[in-house]
């Protein structure tokens, strides 16, 4: 099995970093209805389908963690941002579903 050509961050690592006051850009690429159910505080919502028109809202030099429900959409967007010249982009492994196991206050859906 081939390793992905993008970098992941585990839910445990992201939770630890956020708890320590680290502030990467949290880019949520889910749909609005999903974002309204559950989100990591401080996340910026740009649904995956809107990325081509809205990528200019992001800073290519900022560390960015891309988030979705299970990690598939965010993996796709992570790769697209890297190809667009973003320097440090991480995919949240397992998405918000996995993150909710680290943060019990996060609703699961």
C-alpha atoms as a PDB file:
ATOM      1  CA  UNK A   1       0.000   0.000   0.000  1.00  0.00           C
ATOM      2  CA  UNK A   2       1.360   3.396  -0.996  1.00  0.00           C
ATOM      3  CA  UNK A   3       1.743   6.136   1.606  1.00  0.00           C
ATOM      4  CA  UNK A   4      -0.349   9.238   0.929  1.00  0.00           C
ATOM      5  CA  UNK A   5       1.458  12.163  -0.660  1.00  0.00           C
ATOM      6  CA  UNK A   6       0.268  14.552   2.005  1.00  0.00           C
ATOM      7  CA  UNK A   7       0.827  14.842   5.735  1.00  0.00           C
ATOM      8  CA  UNK A   8      -1.725  13.880   8.387  1.00  0.00           C
ATOM      9  CA  UNK A   9      -2.149  15.127  11.932  1.00  0.00           C
ATOM     10  CA  UNK A  10      -3.767  12.747  14.409  1.00  0.00           C
ATOM     11  CA  UNK A  11      -6.783  13.849  16.437  1.00  0.00           C
ATOM     12  CA  UNK A  12      -4.686  13.358  19.601  1.00  0.00           C
ATOM     13  CA  UNK A  13      -1.919  15.645  18.313  1.00  0.00           C
ATOM     14  CA  UNK A  14      -4.341  18.349  17.158  1.00  0.00           C
ATOM     15  CA  UNK A  15      -6.217  18.292  20.488  1.00  0.00           C
ATOM     16  CA  UNK A  16      -2.919  18.546  22.409  1.00  0.00           C
ATOM     17  CA  UNK A  17      -1.719  21.441  20.260  1.00  0.00           C
ATOM     18  CA  UNK A  18      -5.010  23.329  20.584  1.00  0.00           C
ATOM     19  CA  UNK A  19      -5.040  22.735  24.356  1.00  0.00           C
ATOM     20  CA  UNK A  20      -1.472  24.121  24.468  1.00  0.00           C
ATOM     21  CA  UNK A  21      -2.627  27.325  22.763  1.00  0.00           C
ATOM     22  CA  UNK A  22      -1.254  26.561  19.301  1.00  0.00           C
ATOM     23  CA  UNK A  23      -3.342  28.224  16.603  1.00  0.00           C
ATOM     24  CA  UNK A  24      -3.025  26.694  13.141  1.00  0.00           C
ATOM     25  CA  UNK A  25      -5.677  27.724  10.626  1.00  0.00           C
ATOM     26  CA  UNK A  26      -8.504  25.205  11.010  1.00  0.00           C
ATOM     27  CA  UNK A  27     -10.096  24.851   7.581  1.00  0.00           C
ATOM     28  CA  UNK A  28     -13.387  22.934   7.657  1.00  0.00           C
ATOM     29  CA  UNK A  29     -14.395  21.729   4.180  1.00  0.00           C
ATOM     30  CA  UNK A  30     -17.728  20.131   5.133  1.00  0.00           C
ATOM     31  CA  UNK A  31     -21.146  21.524   4.219  1.00  0.00           C
ATOM     32  CA  UNK A  32     -22.862  24.244   6.283  1.00  0.00           C
ATOM     33  CA  UNK A  33     -25.398  21.804   7.773  1.00  0.00           C
ATOM     34  CA  UNK A  34     -22.549  19.601   9.047  1.00  0.00           C
ATOM     35  CA  UNK A  35     -20.663  22.610  10.425  1.00  0.00           C
ATOM     36  CA  UNK A  36     -23.786  23.643  12.360  1.00  0.00           C
ATOM     37  CA  UNK A  37     -23.943  20.209  14.048  1.00  0.00           C
ATOM     38  CA  UNK A  38     -20.301  20.022  15.185  1.00  0.00           C
ATOM     39  CA  UNK A  39     -17.109  22.011  14.689  1.00  0.00           C
ATOM     40  CA  UNK A  40     -13.808  22.762  16.358  1.00  0.00           C
ATOM     41  CA  UNK A  41     -13.924  26.231  17.890  1.00  0.00           C
ATOM     42  CA  UNK A  42     -12.286  28.793  15.629  1.00  0.00           C
ATOM     43  CA  UNK A  43     -12.660  26.758  12.422  1.00  0.00           C
ATOM     44  CA  UNK A  44     -13.158  28.550   9.109  1.00  0.00           C
ATOM     45  CA  UNK A  45     -15.840  26.970   6.908  1.00  0.00           C
ATOM     46  CA  UNK A  46     -15.176  26.763   3.183  1.00  0.00           C
ATOM     47  CA  UNK A  47     -17.141  23.807   1.746  1.00  0.00           C
ATOM     48  CA  UNK A  48     -15.036  21.689  -0.601  1.00  0.00           C
ATOM     49  CA  UNK A  49     -17.142  22.682  -3.610  1.00  0.00           C
ATOM     50  CA  UNK A  50     -16.439  26.378  -2.951  1.00  0.00           C
ATOM     51  CA  UNK A  51     -12.657  25.994  -2.597  1.00  0.00           C
ATOM     52  CA  UNK A  52     -11.754  27.033  -6.174  1.00  0.00           C
ATOM     53  CA  UNK A  53     -13.497  30.417  -5.784  1.00  0.00           C
ATOM     54  CA  UNK A  54     -12.521  30.991  -2.143  1.00  0.00           C
ATOM     55  CA  UNK A  55      -8.923  29.750  -1.903  1.00  0.00           C
ATOM     56  CA  UNK A  56      -7.788  33.396  -1.949  1.00  0.00           C
ATOM     57  CA  UNK A  57      -9.300  33.767   1.554  1.00  0.00           C
ATOM     58  CA  UNK A  58      -6.496  31.551   2.874  1.00  0.00           C
ATOM     59  CA  UNK A  59      -2.862  32.399   3.630  1.00  0.00           C
ATOM     60  CA  UNK A  60      -0.498  30.044   1.742  1.00  0.00           C
ATOM     61  CA  UNK A  61       2.232  30.662   4.339  1.00  0.00           C
ATOM     62  CA  UNK A  62       0.067  29.784   7.373  1.00  0.00           C
ATOM     63  CA  UNK A  63       0.009  26.282   8.814  1.00  0.00           C
ATOM     64  CA  UNK A  64      -3.410  24.911   7.848  1.00  0.00           C
ATOM     65  CA  UNK A  65      -5.224  21.851   9.228  1.00  0.00           C
ATOM     66  CA  UNK A  66      -7.951  20.653   6.855  1.00  0.00           C
ATOM     67  CA  UNK A  67     -11.001  19.042   8.487  1.00  0.00           C
ATOM     68  CA  UNK A  68     -14.012  17.065   7.260  1.00  0.00           C
ATOM     69  CA  UNK A  69     -16.250  14.320   8.678  1.00  0.00           C
ATOM     70  CA  UNK A  70     -14.110  11.205   8.108  1.00  0.00           C
ATOM     71  CA  UNK A  71     -10.937  12.497   6.433  1.00  0.00           C
ATOM     72  CA  UNK A  72     -11.628  11.873   2.731  1.00  0.00           C
ATOM     73  CA  UNK A  73     -12.703  15.340   1.572  1.00  0.00           C
ATOM     74  CA  UNK A  74     -10.007  16.939   3.706  1.00  0.00           C
ATOM     75  CA  UNK A  75      -7.344  14.644   2.203  1.00  0.00           C
ATOM     76  CA  UNK A  76      -8.402  15.767  -1.283  1.00  0.00           C
ATOM     77  CA  UNK A  77      -8.321  19.470  -0.298  1.00  0.00           C
ATOM     78  CA  UNK A  78      -4.971  19.009   1.505  1.00  0.00           C
ATOM     79  CA  UNK A  79      -3.424  17.694  -1.716  1.00  0.00           C
ATOM     80  CA  UNK A  80      -5.022  20.468  -3.806  1.00  0.00           C
ATOM     81  CA  UNK A  81      -3.684  23.183  -1.468  1.00  0.00           C
ATOM     82  CA  UNK A  82      -0.193  21.669  -1.548  1.00  0.00           C
ATOM     83  CA  UNK A  83      -0.293  21.648  -5.346  1.00  0.00           C
ATOM     84  CA  UNK A  84      -1.411  25.302  -5.222  1.00  0.00           C
ATOM     85  CA  UNK A  85       1.772  26.192  -3.311  1.00  0.00           C
ATOM     86  CA  UNK A  86       0.609  26.139   0.301  1.00  0.00           C
ATOM     87  CA  UNK A  87       3.643  25.381   2.454  1.00  0.00           C
ATOM     88  CA  UNK A  88       2.331  23.530   5.514  1.00  0.00           C
ATOM     89  CA  UNK A  89      -1.001  21.743   5.103  1.00  0.00           C
ATOM     90  CA  UNK A  90      -2.117  18.858   7.327  1.00  0.00           C
ATOM     91  CA  UNK A  91      -5.099  16.545   6.958  1.00  0.00           C
ATOM     92  CA  UNK A  92      -6.982  15.704  10.182  1.00  0.00           C
ATOM     93  CA  UNK A  93      -6.715  11.913  10.176  1.00  0.00           C
ATOM     94  CA  UNK A  94     -10.150  10.326  10.586  1.00  0.00           C
ATOM     95  CA  UNK A  95     -11.853  13.727  10.493  1.00  0.00           C
ATOM     96  CA  UNK A  96     -14.153  15.152  13.130  1.00  0.00           C
ATOM     97  CA  UNK A  97     -15.563  11.709  13.776  1.00  0.00           C
ATOM     98  CA  UNK A  98     -12.178  10.571  15.110  1.00  0.00           C
ATOM     99  CA  UNK A  99     -11.569  13.931  16.836  1.00  0.00           C
ATOM    100  CA  UNK A 100     -14.821  13.537  18.795  1.00  0.00           C
ATOM    101  CA  UNK A 101     -13.213  10.582  20.604  1.00  0.00           C
ATOM    102  CA  UNK A 102     -10.534  12.970  21.926  1.00  0.00           C
ATOM    103  CA  UNK A 103     -12.985  15.751  22.781  1.00  0.00           C
ATOM    104  CA  UNK A 104     -16.121  14.368  24.436  1.00  0.00           C
ATOM    105  CA  UNK A 105     -17.854  17.751  24.091  1.00  0.00           C
ATOM    106  CA  UNK A 106     -17.833  17.291  20.287  1.00  0.00           C
ATOM    107  CA  UNK A 107     -21.179  15.939  19.021  1.00  0.00           C
ATOM    108  CA  UNK A 108     -20.980  12.915  16.714  1.00  0.00           C
ATOM    109  CA  UNK A 109     -23.215  12.574  13.670  1.00  0.00           C
END
